[in-house]
Amino acid sequence: MGEGQIGCKALWRIISTMSHRETPLPHPTLRIAEPADASEIARLNALFNDVHQPPEFYAARMGEAQRADTPILAEIDGCVVGMVNLRLVKQVFYPEPYAELTELFVEEAYRRRGVARALIESAEELARAAGAPEMLILTDFYNHPAQMLYGALGYVHHDIVVSKKLS
């Protein structure tokens, strides 16, 4: 850390004590994650999904040439505070790719401050540039705050999703 910089944990403590209406945070820097970001992805995925994989797992997955997922990270003052994943898949039956937003997560202290919106808009830009005509988002039926955010960004209820455990 350079002179005058504080660590991410110290920054998180400061931000978490601030009201959402207090001094606004700087706009997050958004970037596509790289294998070198595996430890941050492992940390965020453990917080979000309670999935505990070593960073090497994520680094290997991101290094695969044929992967369908593009993780995007949000940083504030050099600290990774959120992530989202764009799943972009070529389809056999349609000329355009299928785009789905998954794994949207923002650390609690940074929520309701525009980070999630910026992550979603970044994923939309990538999907649009790839030729996807729409982007789908699956979210928990009871996750009303997320549904409100998606609605504010123009997403509408579209299909019914059913699932079945296979193992």
Foldseek 3Di string as FASTA:
>chain_A
DDPPDDDPVVVLVVLLVDDLPPDAAPFWDKDWDALVCLVVVQVQCCVVVVDHDDSVVVNVQRPDPPAQKTKMFTDGSRHTFWIKIWGWACDDPDRAIAIEIDDTDGHPSCPPRCNSVVRVVVSVVVSVVRPHPDYHYDDDPPPVVVVVVCVVVPDDDDDDDDDDDPD
